[in-house]
Structure formats: structure tokens, C-alpha cells
C-alpha atoms as a PDB file:
ATOM      1  CA  MET A   1      62.296  60.830  24.600  1.00  0.00           C
ATOM      2  CA  PHE A   2      62.565  61.393  20.698  1.00  0.00           C
ATOM      3  CA  LYS A   3      60.354  59.823  18.560  1.00  0.00           C
ATOM      4  CA  THR A   4      62.226  59.880  15.204  1.00  0.00           C
ATOM      5  CA  TRP A   5      65.703  60.675  14.075  1.00  0.00           C
ATOM      6  CA  ILE A   6      64.935  63.901  12.549  1.00  0.00           C
ATOM      7  CA  GLU A   7      63.547  65.350  16.118  1.00  0.00           C
ATOM      8  CA  LEU A   8      66.620  64.309  17.367  1.00  0.00           C
ATOM      9  CA  PHE A   9      68.648  66.011  14.964  1.00  0.00           C
ATOM     10  CA  GLU A  10      66.670  69.131  15.497  1.00  0.00           C
ATOM     11  CA  TYR A  11      67.686  69.281  19.194  1.00  0.00           C
ATOM     12  CA  LEU A  12      71.174  68.551  18.159  1.00  0.00           C
ATOM     13  CA  VAL A  13      71.145  71.629  15.641  1.00  0.00           C
ATOM     14  CA  PHE A  14      69.175  73.807  18.366  1.00  0.00           C
ATOM     15  CA  MET A  15      72.035  72.935  20.666  1.00  0.00           C
ATOM     16  CA  SER A  16      75.071  73.401  18.411  1.00  0.00           C
ATOM     17  CA  VAL A  17      73.693  76.940  17.669  1.00  0.00           C
ATOM     18  CA  CYS A  18      73.459  77.462  21.348  1.00  0.00           C
ATOM     19  CA  ALA A  19      76.866  76.072  21.905  1.00  0.00           C
ATOM     20  CA  ALA A  20      78.264  78.670  19.150  1.00  0.00           C
ATOM     21  CA  GLY A  21      76.618  81.625  20.999  1.00  0.00           C
ATOM     22  CA  MET A  22      78.342  80.413  24.183  1.00  0.00           C
ATOM     23  CA  VAL A  23      81.787  80.558  22.526  1.00  0.00           C
ATOM     24  CA  HIS A  24      80.975  83.691  20.622  1.00  0.00           C
ATOM     25  CA  ALA A  25      81.204  81.877  17.191  1.00  0.00           C
ATOM     26  CA  SER A  26      80.567  83.618  13.812  1.00  0.00           C
ATOM     27  CA  SER A  27      76.696  84.431  13.366  1.00  0.00           C
ATOM     28  CA  LEU A  28      76.895  82.478  10.034  1.00  0.00           C
ATOM     29  CA  TRP A  29      76.178  79.346  12.569  1.00  0.00           C
ATOM     30  CA  ILE A  30      72.620  80.502  12.646  1.00  0.00           C
ATOM     31  CA  ALA A  31      72.337  80.356   8.559  1.00  0.00           C
ATOM     32  CA  ILE A  32      74.156  77.112   8.396  1.00  0.00           C
ATOM     33  CA  GLY A  33      71.886  75.720  11.221  1.00  0.00           C
ATOM     34  CA  ALA A  34      68.665  77.021   9.257  1.00  0.00           C
ATOM     35  CA  LEU A  35      69.897  75.448   5.850  1.00  0.00           C
ATOM     36  CA  THR A  36      70.323  71.807   8.007  1.00  0.00           C
ATOM     37  CA  LEU A  37      66.983  72.464   9.344  1.00  0.00           C
ATOM     38  CA  PHE A  38      65.455  73.027   5.832  1.00  0.00           C
ATOM     39  CA  LEU A  39      67.268  69.928   4.201  1.00  0.00           C
ATOM     40  CA  VAL A  40      66.392  67.780   7.454  1.00  0.00           C
ATOM     41  CA  THR A  41      62.483  68.610   7.659  1.00  0.00           C
ATOM     42  CA  TRP A  42      62.041  68.523   3.679  1.00  0.00           C
ATOM     43  CA  THR A  43      59.912  65.582   3.894  1.00  0.00           C
ATOM     44  CA  ARG A  44      57.558  67.542   6.278  1.00  0.00           C
ATOM     45  CA  TRP A  45      57.280  70.582   4.384  1.00  0.00           C
ATOM     46  CA  ARG A  46      57.243  68.736   1.017  1.00  0.00           C
ATOM     47  CA  GLU A  47      53.654  68.832  -0.049  1.00  0.00           C
ATOM     48  CA  ILE A  48      53.778  72.581   0.427  1.00  0.00           C
ATOM     49  CA  PHE A  49      56.332  73.546  -1.881  1.00  0.00           C
ATOM     50  CA  GLU A  50      55.192  71.195  -4.562  1.00  0.00           C
ATOM     51  CA  LYS A  51      51.692  72.758  -4.163  1.00  0.00           C
ATOM     52  CA  ALA A  52      53.238  76.355  -4.387  1.00  0.00           C
ATOM     53  CA  GLY A  53      55.663  74.835  -7.257  1.00  0.00           C
ATOM     54  CA  ARG A  54      52.038  73.887  -9.063  1.00  0.00           C
ATOM     55  CA  ILE A  55      50.710  77.230  -8.674  1.00  0.00           C
ATOM     56  CA  ASP A  56      53.685  79.115  -9.903  1.00  0.00           C
ATOM     57  CA  ARG A  57      54.062  76.697 -13.012  1.00  0.00           C
ATOM     58  CA  GLN A  58      50.123  77.509 -13.943  1.00  0.00           C
ATOM     59  CA  TYR A  59      50.910  81.210 -13.674  1.00  0.00           C
ATOM     60  CA  ARG A  60      54.207  81.022 -16.037  1.00  0.00           C
ATOM     61  CA  ALA A  61      52.121  79.007 -18.697  1.00  0.00           C
ATOM     62  CA  MET A  62      49.346  81.228 -18.520  1.00  0.00           C
ATOM     63  CA  GLY A  63      51.638  84.201 -18.909  1.00  0.00           C
ATOM     64  CA  ALA A  64      53.323  82.179 -21.967  1.00  0.00           C
ATOM     65  CA  LEU A  65      50.262  81.773 -23.549  1.00  0.00           C
ATOM     66  CA  ALA A  66      49.131  85.536 -23.217  1.00  0.00           C
ATOM     67  CA  LEU A  67      52.228  86.309 -24.936  1.00  0.00           C
ATOM     68  CA  TRP A  68      52.662  84.229 -27.822  1.00  0.00           C
ATOM     69  CA  ARG A  69      49.085  83.124 -28.396  1.00  0.00           C
ATOM     70  CA  ALA A  70      47.198  86.386 -27.541  1.00  0.00           C
ATOM     71  CA  GLY A  71      50.154  88.713 -27.990  1.00  0.00           C
ATOM     72  CA  LEU A  72      49.452  90.656 -24.918  1.00  0.00           C
ATOM     73  CA  PRO A  73      52.789  91.569 -23.319  1.00  0.00           C
ATOM     74  CA  GLY A  74      51.256  93.500 -20.469  1.00  0.00           C
ATOM     75  CA  LEU A  75      49.242  90.825 -19.345  1.00  0.00           C
ATOM     76  CA  SER A  76      51.923  87.969 -19.733  1.00  0.00           C
ATOM     77  CA  MET A  77      54.140  90.071 -17.479  1.00  0.00           C
ATOM     78  CA  ARG A  78      51.600  90.587 -14.591  1.00  0.00           C
ATOM     79  CA  LEU A  79      50.772  86.854 -14.503  1.00  0.00           C
ATOM     80  CA  TYR A  80      54.988  85.919 -14.869  1.00  0.00           C
ATOM     81  CA  ALA A  81      54.687  88.747 -11.749  1.00  0.00           C
ATOM     82  CA  LYS A  82      52.298  86.699  -9.962  1.00  0.00           C
ATOM     83  CA  ALA A  83      54.475  83.220 -10.127  1.00  0.00           C
ATOM     84  CA  HIS A  84      56.534  83.740  -6.771  1.00  0.00           C
ATOM     85  CA  HIS A  85      54.843  81.577  -4.321  1.00  0.00           C
ATOM     86  CA  VAL A  86      57.781  79.059  -4.059  1.00  0.00           C
ATOM     87  CA  ALA A  87      59.808  82.007  -3.240  1.00  0.00           C
ATOM     88  CA  LEU A  88      57.490  83.047  -0.698  1.00  0.00           C
ATOM     89  CA  VAL A  89      57.078  79.588   1.016  1.00  0.00           C
ATOM     90  CA  LEU A  90      60.836  79.042   1.106  1.00  0.00           C
ATOM     91  CA  GLY A  91      61.440  82.685   2.541  1.00  0.00           C
ATOM     92  CA  ALA A  92      59.138  81.785   5.309  1.00  0.00           C
ATOM     93  CA  LYS A  93      60.511  78.514   6.078  1.00  0.00           C
ATOM     94  CA  PHE A  94      63.984  79.859   6.163  1.00  0.00           C
ATOM     95  CA  GLY A  95      63.020  82.827   7.995  1.00  0.00           C
ATOM     96  CA  GLN A  96      60.976  80.896  10.787  1.00  0.00           C
ATOM     97  CA  ASP A  97      64.362  78.637  11.156  1.00  0.00           C
ATOM     98  CA  CYS A  98      66.667  81.840  11.207  1.00  0.00           C
ATOM     99  CA  LEU A  99      64.749  83.434  13.977  1.00  0.00           C
ATOM    100  CA  PHE A 100      64.439  80.271  15.910  1.00  0.00           C
ATOM    101  CA  LEU A 101      68.213  80.001  15.832  1.00  0.00           C
ATOM    102  CA  ALA A 102      68.758  83.304  16.419  1.00  0.00           C
ATOM    103  CA  VAL A 103      66.922  82.900  19.802  1.00  0.00           C
ATOM    104  CA  ALA A 104      69.167  79.682  20.225  1.00  0.00           C
ATOM    105  CA  TYR A 105      72.242  81.758  19.443  1.00  0.00           C
ATOM    106  CA  LEU A 106      71.332  84.681  22.014  1.00  0.00           C
ATOM    107  CA  LEU A 107      70.558  82.198  24.605  1.00  0.00           C
ATOM    108  CA  GLY A 108      73.762  80.641  24.465  1.00  0.00           C
ATOM    109  CA  MET A 109      75.336  84.111  24.940  1.00  0.00           C
ATOM    110  CA  ALA A 110      73.124  84.753  27.795  1.00  0.00           C
ATOM    111  CA  ALA A 111      73.903  81.435  29.610  1.00  0.00           C
ATOM    112  CA  LYS A 112      77.720  82.013  29.230  1.00  0.00           C
ATOM    113  CA  TRP A 113      77.148  85.953  30.300  1.00  0.00           C
ATOM    114  CA  PHE A 114      75.132  84.281  33.643  1.00  0.00           C
ATOM    115  CA  TRP A 115      77.587  81.508  34.073  1.00  0.00           C
ATOM    116  CA  PHE A 116      80.596  83.444  34.151  1.00  0.00           C
ATOM    117  CA  ASP A 117      79.673  86.792  35.275  1.00  0.00           C
ATOM    118  CA  VAL A 118      76.842  86.260  37.597  1.00  0.00           C
ATOM    119  CA  VAL A 119      77.733  83.175  38.895  1.00  0.00           C
ATOM    120  CA  GLY A 120      81.381  83.713  38.814  1.00  0.00           C
ATOM    121  CA  GLN A 121      81.380  86.938  40.772  1.00  0.00           C
ATOM    122  CA  GLY A 122      79.854  85.052  43.643  1.00  0.00           C
ATOM    123  CA  VAL A 123      82.600  82.598  44.069  1.00  0.00           C
END
């Protein structure tokens, strides 16, 4: 059914957050699950993080050269400000996982509502 252990673990994280929604647990389970998915799927996203890190490192190196060698603090600050790719990639990955698990949490809440309020009324 699952090709790798990572796929199984992703499924288990989804189901655990769904169960947290069923019992109206803290919504922090969404963030906990997203961080767990981030750590588990690190190998899948590693190349993108490394590429963003290389780009940021180049901008920081150019900013240091502009400040200390050329004496251009304005250019240096602009180059340092462009070194934000790692934060963007991490934010996109973590945001995607949070959104996915928020839907799982709401699905759990909807399943509980359907089971106890809709089906339970008919009995």
C-alpha cells in the first residue's frame, strides 16, 4: 500500500491531526504535525533548501564586499536584504503543510459532527 516508510508516516500524521480535530484538541496539533512533516520529508526538499542557501550566501558575500571593500553601505544593505530565499522556501513548505493539516483538522471536526449530530439524530 505504501512504497516507503515516509509515505506511511505522512499518512499517520494526517490521521493523527484528523483525530485531534475529532476530539477538539488544541489547534497547535496543526503546527506540531506540520513540523513533523517538515522533519520527515527533509530528504525530499533538501536540494531546494541547499540551492536557496547558496543564493543567500552569494548575496551576503557580495554585501560584505560592497561594505568593506568598496565602502558602499547602501548597496551593501540592498544586497543583504535580497538574502531571504531560505526563509521564503521554509515559509512556503511550512505554510503548505499547515494548510494541508488545517484541512485535516477541520475534516476531523466535520466527521465528528456528522457522526454524532446527523447520524445520531436518526437513531
